[in-house]
């Protein structure tokens, strides 16, 4: 059974950066995706990383967000740069139909 735990969220000013982490327990070759949910809005796809290492992103974060991983630590990272107030949301990672508890990112203007 796959379990996911996110961390790294916080409060940052517009233009700042945060690195979110998602630790995955349980062996899996499935992709790991990042999603976010802002207050009053539906959860939306942010990006994902495949076993091959290839990545994909939603258009609004391309060039600002980067997904990477450390296989030895079974951890996937979401580096968020040039943050905007509209990036404020709870960020979740997902894999094998499992979800983490989320980590809050708040960007002040």
N, C-alpha and C. Protein backbone atom coordinates (compact mmCIF):
# COMPACT_ATOMS: atom_id res chain seq x y z
N UNK A 1 0.85 -1.18 0.00
CA UNK A 1 0.00 0.00 0.00
C UNK A 1 0.89 1.24 0.00
N UNK A 2 0.60 2.15 -0.94
CA UNK A 2 1.39 3.37 -1.05
C UNK A 2 0.85 4.42 -0.08
N UNK A 3 1.76 5.07 0.63
CA UNK A 3 1.40 6.19 1.49
C UNK A 3 2.26 7.38 1.11
N UNK A 4 1.67 8.55 1.19
CA UNK A 4 2.32 9.78 0.78
C UNK A 4 2.25 10.82 1.89
N UNK A 5 3.36 11.52 2.12
CA UNK A 5 3.39 12.58 3.13
C UNK A 5 4.07 13.80 2.53
N UNK A 6 3.34 14.92 2.46
CA UNK A 6 3.88 16.16 1.93
C UNK A 6 4.40 17.05 3.06
N UNK A 7 5.33 17.92 2.71
CA UNK A 7 5.84 18.92 3.64
C UNK A 7 6.45 20.05 2.84
N UNK A 8 6.79 21.13 3.54
CA UNK A 8 7.51 22.22 2.90
C UNK A 8 6.70 23.47 2.60
N UNK A 9 5.41 23.41 2.86
CA UNK A 9 4.59 24.58 2.60
C UNK A 9 4.88 25.70 3.58
N UNK A 10 4.28 26.86 3.33
CA UNK A 10 4.48 27.99 4.23
C UNK A 10 3.94 29.26 3.65
N UNK A 11 4.28 30.38 4.30
CA UNK A 11 3.88 31.71 3.86
C UNK A 11 5.07 32.38 3.21
N UNK A 12 4.86 32.90 2.02
CA UNK A 12 5.95 33.54 1.29
C UNK A 12 5.40 34.75 0.54
N UNK A 13 6.25 35.74 0.31
CA UNK A 13 5.84 36.91 -0.45
C UNK A 13 5.86 36.59 -1.94
N UNK A 14 5.08 37.34 -2.68
CA UNK A 14 5.07 37.17 -4.13
C UNK A 14 6.48 37.30 -4.68
N UNK A 15 6.82 36.42 -5.60
CA UNK A 15 8.17 36.39 -6.15
C UNK A 15 9.09 35.42 -5.43
N UNK A 16 8.66 34.93 -4.29
CA UNK A 16 9.47 34.02 -3.51
C UNK A 16 9.40 32.59 -3.99
N UNK A 17 10.06 31.71 -3.23
CA UNK A 17 10.16 30.30 -3.61
C UNK A 17 9.90 29.40 -2.41
N UNK A 18 9.44 28.21 -2.70
CA UNK A 18 9.30 27.15 -1.71
C UNK A 18 9.62 25.83 -2.38
N UNK A 19 10.15 24.89 -1.63
CA UNK A 19 10.35 23.54 -2.15
C UNK A 19 9.48 22.59 -1.34
N UNK A 20 8.54 21.98 -2.01
CA UNK A 20 7.65 21.02 -1.38
C UNK A 20 8.22 19.62 -1.58
N UNK A 21 8.00 18.78 -0.57
CA UNK A 21 8.48 17.40 -0.64
C UNK A 21 7.31 16.44 -0.50
N UNK A 22 7.44 15.31 -1.15
CA UNK A 22 6.45 14.24 -1.04
C UNK A 22 7.21 12.94 -0.86
N UNK A 23 7.12 12.39 0.35
CA UNK A 23 7.78 11.12 0.64
C UNK A 23 6.79 10.00 0.40
N UNK A 24 7.21 9.04 -0.44
CA UNK A 24 6.33 7.93 -0.77
C UNK A 24 6.85 6.65 -0.13
N UNK A 25 6.01 5.99 0.61
CA UNK A 25 6.37 4.69 1.18
C UNK A 25 5.69 3.60 0.38
N UNK A 26 6.32 2.46 0.29
CA UNK A 26 5.76 1.39 -0.52
C UNK A 26 6.36 1.43 -1.91
N UNK A 27 6.69 0.26 -2.42
CA UNK A 27 7.34 0.19 -3.72
C UNK A 27 6.33 0.47 -4.82
N UNK A 28 6.69 1.36 -5.73
CA UNK A 28 5.80 1.68 -6.83
C UNK A 28 6.58 2.29 -7.96
N UNK A 29 6.18 1.95 -9.19
CA UNK A 29 6.79 2.54 -10.37
C UNK A 29 5.83 3.52 -11.03
N UNK A 30 4.75 3.81 -10.34
CA UNK A 30 3.75 4.70 -10.91
C UNK A 30 4.23 6.15 -10.87
N UNK A 31 3.71 6.98 -11.75
CA UNK A 31 4.06 8.39 -11.70
C UNK A 31 3.60 9.03 -10.38
N UNK A 32 4.22 10.12 -10.04
CA UNK A 32 3.80 10.90 -8.88
C UNK A 32 3.35 12.26 -9.40
N UNK A 33 2.14 12.61 -9.05
CA UNK A 33 1.59 13.88 -9.50
C UNK A 33 1.45 14.86 -8.36
N UNK A 34 1.52 16.13 -8.69
CA UNK A 34 1.22 17.21 -7.75
C UNK A 34 -0.07 17.89 -8.19
N UNK A 35 -0.94 18.15 -7.22
CA UNK A 35 -2.20 18.83 -7.45
C UNK A 35 -2.33 19.94 -6.41
N UNK A 36 -3.25 20.85 -6.64
CA UNK A 36 -3.50 21.90 -5.65
C UNK A 36 -4.98 22.25 -5.63
N UNK A 37 -5.41 22.74 -4.49
CA UNK A 37 -6.80 23.14 -4.34
C UNK A 37 -6.86 24.45 -3.56
N UNK A 38 -7.36 25.47 -4.23
CA UNK A 38 -7.54 26.77 -3.61
C UNK A 38 -8.93 26.83 -2.97
N UNK A 39 -9.13 27.72 -2.00
CA UNK A 39 -10.43 27.82 -1.33
C UNK A 39 -11.55 28.07 -2.34
N UNK A 40 -12.59 27.28 -2.26
CA UNK A 40 -13.75 27.46 -3.13
C UNK A 40 -13.56 26.98 -4.54
N UNK A 41 -12.43 26.34 -4.81
CA UNK A 41 -12.16 25.86 -6.18
C UNK A 41 -11.92 24.36 -6.18
N UNK A 42 -12.02 23.78 -7.37
CA UNK A 42 -11.76 22.35 -7.50
C UNK A 42 -10.26 22.07 -7.49
N UNK A 43 -9.93 20.85 -7.10
CA UNK A 43 -8.54 20.45 -7.14
C UNK A 43 -8.07 20.40 -8.59
N UNK A 44 -6.86 20.92 -8.84
CA UNK A 44 -6.36 20.97 -10.21
C UNK A 44 -4.97 20.38 -10.31
N UNK A 45 -4.68 19.85 -11.48
CA UNK A 45 -3.39 19.26 -11.76
C UNK A 45 -2.33 20.34 -11.86
N UNK A 46 -1.17 20.08 -11.25
CA UNK A 46 -0.04 20.99 -11.33
C UNK A 46 1.05 20.40 -12.22
N UNK A 47 1.42 19.15 -11.97
CA UNK A 47 2.45 18.50 -12.76
C UNK A 47 2.66 17.08 -12.27
N UNK A 48 3.48 16.33 -13.01
CA UNK A 48 3.78 14.97 -12.59
C UNK A 48 5.14 14.55 -13.12
N UNK A 49 5.70 13.54 -12.47
CA UNK A 49 6.97 12.96 -12.91
C UNK A 49 6.76 11.47 -13.10
N UNK A 50 7.27 10.97 -14.22
CA UNK A 50 7.14 9.57 -14.55
C UNK A 50 8.37 8.80 -14.08
N UNK A 51 8.25 7.48 -14.07
CA UNK A 51 9.40 6.65 -13.65
C UNK A 51 10.63 6.93 -14.50
N UNK A 52 10.40 7.27 -15.76
CA UNK A 52 11.51 7.57 -16.66
C UNK A 52 12.23 8.87 -16.30
N UNK A 53 11.56 9.69 -15.50
CA UNK A 53 12.13 10.99 -15.15
C UNK A 53 11.53 12.12 -15.95
N UNK A 54 10.74 11.79 -16.95
CA UNK A 54 10.11 12.86 -17.73
C UNK A 54 9.02 13.53 -16.90
N UNK A 55 8.76 14.76 -17.23
CA UNK A 55 7.79 15.55 -16.46
C UNK A 55 6.80 16.25 -17.37
N UNK A 56 5.71 16.65 -16.81
CA UNK A 56 4.76 17.50 -17.50
C UNK A 56 4.13 18.46 -16.50
N UNK A 57 3.66 19.61 -16.99
CA UNK A 57 3.16 20.67 -16.12
C UNK A 57 1.94 21.34 -16.73
N UNK A 58 1.13 21.95 -15.86
CA UNK A 58 0.07 22.78 -16.38
C UNK A 58 0.70 24.06 -16.91
N UNK A 59 0.03 24.69 -17.88
CA UNK A 59 0.62 25.84 -18.56
C UNK A 59 0.96 26.97 -17.60
N UNK A 60 0.13 27.22 -16.61
CA UNK A 60 0.33 28.40 -15.76
C UNK A 60 1.55 28.30 -14.85
N UNK A 61 2.14 27.11 -14.73
CA UNK A 61 3.32 26.98 -13.86
C UNK A 61 4.59 26.65 -14.65
N UNK A 62 4.46 26.44 -15.95
CA UNK A 62 5.63 26.12 -16.76
C UNK A 62 6.65 27.25 -16.67
N UNK A 63 7.91 26.88 -16.48
CA UNK A 63 8.97 27.85 -16.35
C UNK A 63 9.15 28.38 -14.93
N UNK A 64 8.19 28.10 -14.06
CA UNK A 64 8.29 28.54 -12.66
C UNK A 64 8.41 27.37 -11.69
N UNK A 65 7.76 26.27 -11.99
CA UNK A 65 7.76 25.10 -11.11
C UNK A 65 8.58 23.98 -11.76
N UNK A 66 9.27 23.22 -10.92
CA UNK A 66 10.06 22.09 -11.41
C UNK A 66 9.86 20.89 -10.49
N UNK A 67 9.58 19.74 -11.08
CA UNK A 67 9.44 18.50 -10.32
C UNK A 67 10.71 17.68 -10.49
N UNK A 68 11.23 17.18 -9.39
CA UNK A 68 12.40 16.32 -9.43
C UNK A 68 12.22 15.22 -8.39
N UNK A 69 13.18 14.33 -8.31
CA UNK A 69 13.04 13.24 -7.35
C UNK A 69 14.40 12.77 -6.87
N UNK A 70 14.39 12.14 -5.72
CA UNK A 70 15.55 11.47 -5.16
C UNK A 70 15.11 10.03 -4.94
N UNK A 71 15.54 9.14 -5.82
CA UNK A 71 15.09 7.75 -5.74
C UNK A 71 15.53 7.10 -4.44
N UNK A 72 16.74 7.42 -3.99
CA UNK A 72 17.27 6.80 -2.77
C UNK A 72 16.43 7.15 -1.56
N UNK A 73 15.84 8.36 -1.58
CA UNK A 73 15.01 8.80 -0.46
C UNK A 73 13.53 8.58 -0.72
N UNK A 74 13.20 8.03 -1.89
CA UNK A 74 11.81 7.81 -2.26
C UNK A 74 10.99 9.09 -2.12
N UNK A 75 11.59 10.19 -2.56
CA UNK A 75 10.99 11.51 -2.38
C UNK A 75 10.90 12.23 -3.72
N UNK A 76 9.78 12.89 -3.92
CA UNK A 76 9.56 13.74 -5.09
C UNK A 76 9.44 15.18 -4.60
N UNK A 77 10.05 16.09 -5.32
CA UNK A 77 10.06 17.50 -4.94
C UNK A 77 9.29 18.34 -5.94
N UNK A 78 8.70 19.41 -5.45
CA UNK A 78 8.10 20.42 -6.31
C UNK A 78 8.75 21.75 -5.93
N UNK A 79 9.66 22.20 -6.77
CA UNK A 79 10.32 23.49 -6.56
C UNK A 79 9.43 24.56 -7.18
N UNK A 80 8.99 25.49 -6.36
CA UNK A 80 8.11 26.55 -6.84
C UNK A 80 8.84 27.88 -6.76
N UNK A 81 9.02 28.54 -7.88
CA UNK A 81 9.71 29.83 -7.96
C UNK A 81 8.77 30.89 -8.51
N UNK A 82 9.16 32.14 -8.30
CA UNK A 82 8.36 33.27 -8.81
C UNK A 82 6.89 33.10 -8.44
N UNK A 83 6.66 32.80 -7.18
CA UNK A 83 5.30 32.52 -6.74
C UNK A 83 4.41 33.75 -6.84
N UNK A 84 3.15 33.48 -7.15
CA UNK A 84 2.14 34.52 -7.30
C UNK A 84 1.01 34.27 -6.30
N UNK A 85 0.26 35.32 -5.94
CA UNK A 85 -0.86 35.11 -5.01
C UNK A 85 -1.83 34.03 -5.50
N UNK A 86 -1.99 33.91 -6.79
CA UNK A 86 -2.91 32.89 -7.32
C UNK A 86 -2.38 31.47 -7.18
N UNK A 87 -1.14 31.31 -6.73
CA UNK A 87 -0.61 29.97 -6.45
C UNK A 87 -1.01 29.50 -5.05
N UNK A 88 -1.63 30.38 -4.28
CA UNK A 88 -2.07 30.02 -2.93
C UNK A 88 -3.06 28.87 -2.98
N UNK A 89 -2.75 27.80 -2.25
CA UNK A 89 -3.59 26.60 -2.27
C UNK A 89 -3.00 25.57 -1.31
N UNK A 90 -3.74 24.51 -1.10
CA UNK A 90 -3.19 23.32 -0.45
C UNK A 90 -2.65 22.44 -1.58
N UNK A 91 -1.41 22.04 -1.44
CA UNK A 91 -0.75 21.22 -2.45
C UNK A 91 -0.71 19.77 -1.99
N UNK A 92 -1.12 18.88 -2.88
CA UNK A 92 -1.18 17.45 -2.60
C UNK A 92 -0.33 16.68 -3.59
N UNK A 93 0.24 15.57 -3.15
CA UNK A 93 0.84 14.65 -4.10
C UNK A 93 -0.04 13.40 -4.19
N UNK A 94 0.08 12.73 -5.32
CA UNK A 94 -0.81 11.61 -5.64
C UNK A 94 -0.03 10.54 -6.38
N UNK A 95 -0.30 9.30 -6.02
CA UNK A 95 0.29 8.18 -6.72
C UNK A 95 -0.50 6.93 -6.40
N UNK A 96 -0.72 6.07 -7.39
CA UNK A 96 -1.45 4.83 -7.16
C UNK A 96 -2.79 5.05 -6.47
N UNK A 97 -3.50 6.10 -6.83
CA UNK A 97 -4.80 6.44 -6.23
C UNK A 97 -4.70 6.83 -4.76
N UNK A 98 -3.49 7.02 -4.26
CA UNK A 98 -3.30 7.46 -2.88
C UNK A 98 -3.00 8.95 -2.87
N UNK A 99 -3.45 9.62 -1.80
CA UNK A 99 -3.23 11.05 -1.64
C UNK A 99 -2.58 11.31 -0.29
N UNK A 100 -1.73 12.33 -0.28
CA UNK A 100 -1.20 12.78 0.99
C UNK A 100 -2.19 13.69 1.69
N UNK A 101 -1.78 14.22 2.84
CA UNK A 101 -2.67 15.07 3.63
C UNK A 101 -2.64 16.52 3.13
N UNK A 102 -1.66 16.86 2.32
CA UNK A 102 -1.55 18.20 1.77
C UNK A 102 -0.66 19.10 2.60
N UNK A 103 -0.14 20.14 1.95
CA UNK A 103 0.67 21.15 2.63
C UNK A 103 0.24 22.52 2.10
N UNK A 104 0.03 23.45 3.01
CA UNK A 104 -0.51 24.76 2.64
C UNK A 104 0.58 25.68 2.12
N UNK A 105 0.31 26.29 0.97
CA UNK A 105 1.17 27.33 0.41
C UNK A 105 0.35 28.62 0.34
N UNK A 106 0.86 29.66 0.97
CA UNK A 106 0.19 30.95 0.96
C UNK A 106 1.16 32.01 0.44
N UNK A 107 0.75 32.70 -0.62
CA UNK A 107 1.59 33.71 -1.24
C UNK A 107 0.94 35.07 -1.03
N UNK A 108 1.63 35.95 -0.33
CA UNK A 108 1.10 37.29 -0.06
C UNK A 108 1.56 38.27 -1.13
N UNK A 109 0.71 39.23 -1.41
CA UNK A 109 1.03 40.23 -2.46
C UNK A 109 1.77 41.42 -1.89
